[in-house]
């Protein structure tokens, strides 16, 4: 998944496409179950008059093995239902990346971006996060004047350092740069 996102961000940087992010609220609750699933009444929600009874789930919920799959099937059906077709005369292009409940929209046409966002909002409870700043915990830096998009995992690195109680260790303060002699691009670390 990360490799695909990096490729799409490189395309966005090169062609100066819009990169937008949305979040689906309670994504797994949108999925429909294709089989009967029963559960005990959850603690704190037990009906005192029917304490010994169980519940039949009508929708997918977090924690079910099939929750992720049912959400993905639901999302796929909705997006296919938008009716996007090949536009021979126009040049509108849309990349839509879904990772659990995070959506990355990469487009070259701002009005089309709004159409896609509105279509998604009609189908799901969504939060529009604006221009993409983080995806999968990775910070996105953008310099449109230089057609650059940079990715930083410093938040993840800090989390790992804290987990192993190494966050008080002395840090390497030099910036790391890399330049490929066959390319004009330079990679750098903030």
C-alpha atoms as a PDB file:
ATOM      1  CA  UNK A   1       0.000   0.000   0.000  1.00  0.00           C
ATOM      2  CA  UNK A   2       2.743   2.447   0.926  1.00  0.00           C
ATOM      3  CA  UNK A   3       4.504   1.861  -2.385  1.00  0.00           C
ATOM      4  CA  UNK A   4       1.289   2.673  -4.284  1.00  0.00           C
ATOM      5  CA  UNK A   5       0.776   5.847  -2.265  1.00  0.00           C
ATOM      6  CA  UNK A   6       4.360   6.951  -2.906  1.00  0.00           C
ATOM      7  CA  UNK A   7       3.926   6.393  -6.657  1.00  0.00           C
ATOM      8  CA  UNK A   8       0.666   8.365  -6.720  1.00  0.00           C
ATOM      9  CA  UNK A   9       2.199  11.204  -4.686  1.00  0.00           C
ATOM     10  CA  UNK A  10       5.118  11.318  -7.132  1.00  0.00           C
ATOM     11  CA  UNK A  11       2.622  11.634 -10.002  1.00  0.00           C
ATOM     12  CA  UNK A  12       0.796  14.376  -8.071  1.00  0.00           C
ATOM     13  CA  UNK A  13       4.038  16.279  -7.468  1.00  0.00           C
ATOM     14  CA  UNK A  14       5.182  15.981 -11.075  1.00  0.00           C
ATOM     15  CA  UNK A  15       1.847  17.073 -12.573  1.00  0.00           C
ATOM     16  CA  UNK A  16       0.878  19.475  -9.737  1.00  0.00           C
ATOM     17  CA  UNK A  17      -2.324  17.549  -8.939  1.00  0.00           C
ATOM     18  CA  UNK A  18      -4.465  18.279  -5.916  1.00  0.00           C
ATOM     19  CA  UNK A  19      -3.966  15.877  -3.000  1.00  0.00           C
ATOM     20  CA  UNK A  20      -6.890  15.838  -0.587  1.00  0.00           C
ATOM     21  CA  UNK A  21      -7.727  13.711   2.413  1.00  0.00           C
ATOM     22  CA  UNK A  22     -11.006  12.546   3.904  1.00  0.00           C
ATOM     23  CA  UNK A  23     -11.890  10.330   6.837  1.00  0.00           C
ATOM     24  CA  UNK A  24     -14.915   8.032   6.994  1.00  0.00           C
ATOM     25  CA  UNK A  25     -16.580   8.219  10.391  1.00  0.00           C
ATOM     26  CA  UNK A  26     -17.369   4.795  11.874  1.00  0.00           C
ATOM     27  CA  UNK A  27     -16.414   3.111   8.591  1.00  0.00           C
ATOM     28  CA  UNK A  28     -16.963  -0.493   9.657  1.00  0.00           C
ATOM     29  CA  UNK A  29     -20.556   0.230  10.670  1.00  0.00           C
ATOM     30  CA  UNK A  30     -21.371   0.812   6.975  1.00  0.00           C
ATOM     31  CA  UNK A  31     -20.652  -2.782   6.018  1.00  0.00           C
ATOM     32  CA  UNK A  32     -23.484  -5.264   5.539  1.00  0.00           C
ATOM     33  CA  UNK A  33     -23.200  -8.816   6.788  1.00  0.00           C
ATOM     34  CA  UNK A  34     -23.680 -11.648   4.317  1.00  0.00           C
ATOM     35  CA  UNK A  35     -24.199 -14.234   7.070  1.00  0.00           C
ATOM     36  CA  UNK A  36     -25.999 -14.422  10.406  1.00  0.00           C
ATOM     37  CA  UNK A  37     -23.868 -13.217  13.321  1.00  0.00           C
ATOM     38  CA  UNK A  38     -24.993 -13.349  16.950  1.00  0.00           C
ATOM     39  CA  UNK A  39     -23.439 -11.863  20.074  1.00  0.00           C
ATOM     40  CA  UNK A  40     -24.141 -11.532  23.763  1.00  0.00           C
ATOM     41  CA  UNK A  41     -25.520  -8.231  24.942  1.00  0.00           C
ATOM     42  CA  UNK A  42     -22.630  -5.809  25.510  1.00  0.00           C
ATOM     43  CA  UNK A  43     -21.770  -4.797  29.076  1.00  0.00           C
ATOM     44  CA  UNK A  44     -23.591  -1.630  30.042  1.00  0.00           C
ATOM     45  CA  UNK A  45     -26.331  -2.249  27.464  1.00  0.00           C
ATOM     46  CA  UNK A  46     -27.916  -5.389  28.872  1.00  0.00           C
ATOM     47  CA  UNK A  47     -31.717  -5.270  28.799  1.00  0.00           C
ATOM     48  CA  UNK A  48     -32.681  -6.284  32.383  1.00  0.00           C
ATOM     49  CA  UNK A  49     -35.946  -7.854  31.165  1.00  0.00           C
ATOM     50  CA  UNK A  50     -34.080 -10.000  28.590  1.00  0.00           C
ATOM     51  CA  UNK A  51     -30.694 -10.490  30.255  1.00  0.00           C
ATOM     52  CA  UNK A  52     -30.296 -14.069  29.026  1.00  0.00           C
ATOM     53  CA  UNK A  53     -30.991 -13.280  25.377  1.00  0.00           C
ATOM     54  CA  UNK A  54     -28.488 -12.689  22.589  1.00  0.00           C
ATOM     55  CA  UNK A  55     -28.439 -10.145  19.758  1.00  0.00           C
ATOM     56  CA  UNK A  56     -28.492 -10.751  16.019  1.00  0.00           C
ATOM     57  CA  UNK A  57     -26.311  -8.215  14.244  1.00  0.00           C
ATOM     58  CA  UNK A  58     -27.863  -6.473  11.279  1.00  0.00           C
ATOM     59  CA  UNK A  59     -24.723  -4.516  10.365  1.00  0.00           C
ATOM     60  CA  UNK A  60     -21.012  -5.066  10.723  1.00  0.00           C
ATOM     61  CA  UNK A  61     -19.309  -3.760  13.872  1.00  0.00           C
ATOM     62  CA  UNK A  62     -15.725  -3.187  14.955  1.00  0.00           C
ATOM     63  CA  UNK A  63     -14.078  -6.362  16.173  1.00  0.00           C
ATOM     64  CA  UNK A  64     -15.750  -8.771  13.760  1.00  0.00           C
ATOM     65  CA  UNK A  65     -13.371 -10.772  11.603  1.00  0.00           C
ATOM     66  CA  UNK A  66     -15.390  -9.868   8.526  1.00  0.00           C
ATOM     67  CA  UNK A  67     -15.799  -6.151   9.401  1.00  0.00           C
ATOM     68  CA  UNK A  68     -12.958  -4.911   7.217  1.00  0.00           C
ATOM     69  CA  UNK A  69     -14.022  -7.007   4.230  1.00  0.00           C
ATOM     70  CA  UNK A  70     -17.685  -5.988   4.481  1.00  0.00           C
ATOM     71  CA  UNK A  71     -16.676  -2.301   4.690  1.00  0.00           C
ATOM     72  CA  UNK A  72     -14.432  -2.642   1.630  1.00  0.00           C
ATOM     73  CA  UNK A  73     -17.201  -4.368  -0.353  1.00  0.00           C
ATOM     74  CA  UNK A  74     -19.643  -1.610   0.634  1.00  0.00           C
ATOM     75  CA  UNK A  75     -17.197   1.166  -0.314  1.00  0.00           C
ATOM     76  CA  UNK A  76     -16.361  -0.515  -3.623  1.00  0.00           C
ATOM     77  CA  UNK A  77     -20.054  -0.816  -4.555  1.00  0.00           C
ATOM     78  CA  UNK A  78     -20.717   2.838  -3.706  1.00  0.00           C
ATOM     79  CA  UNK A  79     -17.748   4.159  -5.702  1.00  0.00           C
ATOM     80  CA  UNK A  80     -18.639   1.983  -8.704  1.00  0.00           C
ATOM     81  CA  UNK A  81     -22.171   3.364  -8.429  1.00  0.00           C
ATOM     82  CA  UNK A  82     -20.912   6.916  -9.013  1.00  0.00           C
ATOM     83  CA  UNK A  83     -20.925   6.056 -12.709  1.00  0.00           C
ATOM     84  CA  UNK A  84     -17.502   7.356 -13.640  1.00  0.00           C
ATOM     85  CA  UNK A  85     -16.823   6.739 -17.296  1.00  0.00           C
ATOM     86  CA  UNK A  86     -13.915   7.202 -19.642  1.00  0.00           C
ATOM     87  CA  UNK A  87     -13.837  10.804 -20.822  1.00  0.00           C
ATOM     88  CA  UNK A  88     -12.263  10.823 -24.275  1.00  0.00           C
ATOM     89  CA  UNK A  89     -12.506  14.579 -24.846  1.00  0.00           C
ATOM     90  CA  UNK A  90     -11.715  15.806 -21.335  1.00  0.00           C
ATOM     91  CA  UNK A  91      -8.675  15.432 -19.189  1.00  0.00           C
ATOM     92  CA  UNK A  92     -10.163  15.001 -15.704  1.00  0.00           C
ATOM     93  CA  UNK A  93      -8.302  12.348 -13.753  1.00  0.00           C
ATOM     94  CA  UNK A  94      -9.146  10.902 -10.318  1.00  0.00           C
ATOM     95  CA  UNK A  95      -7.103   8.596  -8.089  1.00  0.00           C
ATOM     96  CA  UNK A  96      -8.948   7.414  -4.992  1.00  0.00           C
ATOM     97  CA  UNK A  97      -6.970   5.507  -2.359  1.00  0.00           C
ATOM     98  CA  UNK A  98      -8.758   3.845   0.564  1.00  0.00           C
ATOM     99  CA  UNK A  99      -6.896   2.523   3.598  1.00  0.00           C
ATOM    100  CA  UNK A 100      -9.375   1.330   6.253  1.00  0.00           C
ATOM    101  CA  UNK A 101     -11.195   4.647   6.866  1.00  0.00           C
ATOM    102  CA  UNK A 102      -8.669   7.084   5.371  1.00  0.00           C
ATOM    103  CA  UNK A 103      -9.249   8.320   1.830  1.00  0.00           C
ATOM    104  CA  UNK A 104      -6.654  10.045  -0.300  1.00  0.00           C
ATOM    105  CA  UNK A 105      -8.007  11.855  -3.371  1.00  0.00           C
ATOM    106  CA  UNK A 106      -5.555  12.857  -6.078  1.00  0.00           C
ATOM    107  CA  UNK A 107      -7.021  14.892  -8.912  1.00  0.00           C
ATOM    108  CA  UNK A 108      -6.072  17.324 -11.633  1.00  0.00           C
ATOM    109  CA  UNK A 109      -9.439  19.092 -11.701  1.00  0.00           C
ATOM    110  CA  UNK A 110     -10.740  21.024  -8.651  1.00  0.00           C
ATOM    111  CA  UNK A 111     -14.435  21.010  -9.708  1.00  0.00           C
ATOM    112  CA  UNK A 112     -14.204  17.224 -10.187  1.00  0.00           C
ATOM    113  CA  UNK A 113     -12.578  16.963  -6.742  1.00  0.00           C
ATOM    114  CA  UNK A 114     -15.644  18.667  -5.257  1.00  0.00           C
ATOM    115  CA  UNK A 115     -17.985  16.334  -7.179  1.00  0.00           C
ATOM    116  CA  UNK A 116     -16.182  13.267  -5.820  1.00  0.00           C
ATOM    117  CA  UNK A 117     -16.155  14.641  -2.266  1.00  0.00           C
ATOM    118  CA  UNK A 118     -19.880  15.475  -2.456  1.00  0.00           C
ATOM    119  CA  UNK A 119     -20.653  12.001  -3.810  1.00  0.00           C
ATOM    120  CA  UNK A 120     -18.728  10.394  -0.948  1.00  0.00           C
ATOM    121  CA  UNK A 121     -20.463  12.623   1.629  1.00  0.00           C
ATOM    122  CA  UNK A 122     -23.893  11.596   0.292  1.00  0.00           C
ATOM    123  CA  UNK A 123     -23.032   7.943   0.872  1.00  0.00           C
ATOM    124  CA  UNK A 124     -21.030   8.060   4.110  1.00  0.00           C
ATOM    125  CA  UNK A 125     -20.558  10.255   7.145  1.00  0.00           C
ATOM    126  CA  UNK A 126     -17.270  11.927   6.223  1.00  0.00           C
ATOM    127  CA  UNK A 127     -14.811  14.417   7.602  1.00  0.00           C
ATOM    128  CA  UNK A 128     -13.028  16.535   4.992  1.00  0.00           C
ATOM    129  CA  UNK A 129      -9.456  16.957   6.238  1.00  0.00           C
ATOM    130  CA  UNK A 130      -8.430  19.356   3.460  1.00  0.00           C
ATOM    131  CA  UNK A 131      -5.121  19.114   1.674  1.00  0.00           C
ATOM    132  CA  UNK A 132      -3.362  15.946   2.746  1.00  0.00           C
ATOM    133  CA  UNK A 133      -0.959  16.475   5.640  1.00  0.00           C
ATOM    134  CA  UNK A 134      -0.712  12.928   7.047  1.00  0.00           C
ATOM    135  CA  UNK A 135      -1.427   9.516   5.576  1.00  0.00           C
ATOM    136  CA  UNK A 136      -0.850   6.266   7.492  1.00  0.00           C
ATOM    137  CA  UNK A 137       0.976   8.281  10.158  1.00  0.00           C
ATOM    138  CA  UNK A 138       3.389   9.730   7.600  1.00  0.00           C
ATOM    139  CA  UNK A 139       3.754  13.520   7.382  1.00  0.00           C
ATOM    140  CA  UNK A 140       3.408  14.938   3.872  1.00  0.00           C
ATOM    141  CA  UNK A 141       5.438  18.031   2.992  1.00  0.00           C
ATOM    142  CA  UNK A 142       4.735  19.849  -0.245  1.00  0.00           C
ATOM    143  CA  UNK A 143       6.598  22.549  -2.131  1.00  0.00           C
ATOM    144  CA  UNK A 144       4.543  23.231  -5.243  1.00  0.00           C
ATOM    145  CA  UNK A 145       6.997  25.817  -6.574  1.00  0.00           C
ATOM    146  CA  UNK A 146       9.624  23.071  -6.882  1.00  0.00           C
ATOM    147  CA  UNK A 147       7.162  20.254  -7.738  1.00  0.00           C
ATOM    148  CA  UNK A 148       8.235  18.362  -4.616  1.00  0.00           C
ATOM    149  CA  UNK A 149       6.383  16.185  -2.152  1.00  0.00           C
ATOM    150  CA  UNK A 150       8.325  14.850   0.827  1.00  0.00           C
ATOM    151  CA  UNK A 151       7.358  12.173   3.327  1.00  0.00           C
ATOM    152  CA  UNK A 152       8.527  12.039   6.932  1.00  0.00           C
ATOM    153  CA  UNK A 153       8.032   9.282   9.480  1.00  0.00           C
ATOM    154  CA  UNK A 154       9.488  11.260  12.385  1.00  0.00           C
ATOM    155  CA  UNK A 155       6.281  10.799  14.426  1.00  0.00           C
ATOM    156  CA  UNK A 156       6.542   7.027  14.002  1.00  0.00           C
ATOM    157  CA  UNK A 157      10.254   7.097  14.861  1.00  0.00           C
ATOM    158  CA  UNK A 158       9.526   9.099  18.035  1.00  0.00           C
ATOM    159  CA  UNK A 159       6.813   6.586  18.977  1.00  0.00           C
ATOM    160  CA  UNK A 160       9.215   3.651  18.517  1.00  0.00           C
ATOM    161  CA  UNK A 161      11.928   5.441  20.521  1.00  0.00           C
ATOM    162  CA  UNK A 162       9.474   6.028  23.381  1.00  0.00           C
ATOM    163  CA  UNK A 163       8.269   2.421  23.224  1.00  0.00           C
ATOM    164  CA  UNK A 164      11.815   1.162  23.731  1.00  0.00           C
ATOM    165  CA  UNK A 165      12.604   3.930  26.237  1.00  0.00           C
ATOM    166  CA  UNK A 166      15.224   5.466  23.951  1.00  0.00           C
ATOM    167  CA  UNK A 167      13.618   8.882  23.451  1.00  0.00           C
ATOM    168  CA  UNK A 168      16.107  10.507  25.833  1.00  0.00           C
ATOM    169  CA  UNK A 169      19.076   9.307  23.798  1.00  0.00           C
ATOM    170  CA  UNK A 170      21.213  11.818  21.943  1.00  0.00           C
ATOM    171  CA  UNK A 171      19.989  12.282  18.403  1.00  0.00           C
ATOM    172  CA  UNK A 172      21.893  12.450  15.167  1.00  0.00           C
ATOM    173  CA  UNK A 173      21.387  16.098  14.203  1.00  0.00           C
ATOM    174  CA  UNK A 174      22.687  16.167  10.638  1.00  0.00           C
ATOM    175  CA  UNK A 175      20.194  16.183   7.788  1.00  0.00           C
ATOM    176  CA  UNK A 176      20.485  13.243   5.464  1.00  0.00           C
ATOM    177  CA  UNK A 177      20.467  13.888   1.733  1.00  0.00           C
ATOM    178  CA  UNK A 178      20.593  11.547  -1.186  1.00  0.00           C
ATOM    179  CA  UNK A 179      21.064  12.332  -4.861  1.00  0.00           C
ATOM    180  CA  UNK A 180      20.925   9.890  -7.732  1.00  0.00           C
ATOM    181  CA  UNK A 181      23.346  10.786 -10.495  1.00  0.00           C
ATOM    182  CA  UNK A 182      20.840   9.583 -13.092  1.00  0.00           C
ATOM    183  CA  UNK A 183      18.019  11.782 -11.791  1.00  0.00           C
ATOM    184  CA  UNK A 184      17.600  15.485 -11.173  1.00  0.00           C
ATOM    185  CA  UNK A 185      15.757  14.931  -7.893  1.00  0.00           C
ATOM    186  CA  UNK A 186      17.207  15.112  -4.402  1.00  0.00           C
ATOM    187  CA  UNK A 187      15.795  13.246  -1.402  1.00  0.00           C
ATOM    188  CA  UNK A 188      16.264  14.781   2.018  1.00  0.00           C
ATOM    189  CA  UNK A 189      15.283  14.277   5.630  1.00  0.00           C
ATOM    190  CA  UNK A 190      13.976  17.167   7.736  1.00  0.00           C
END
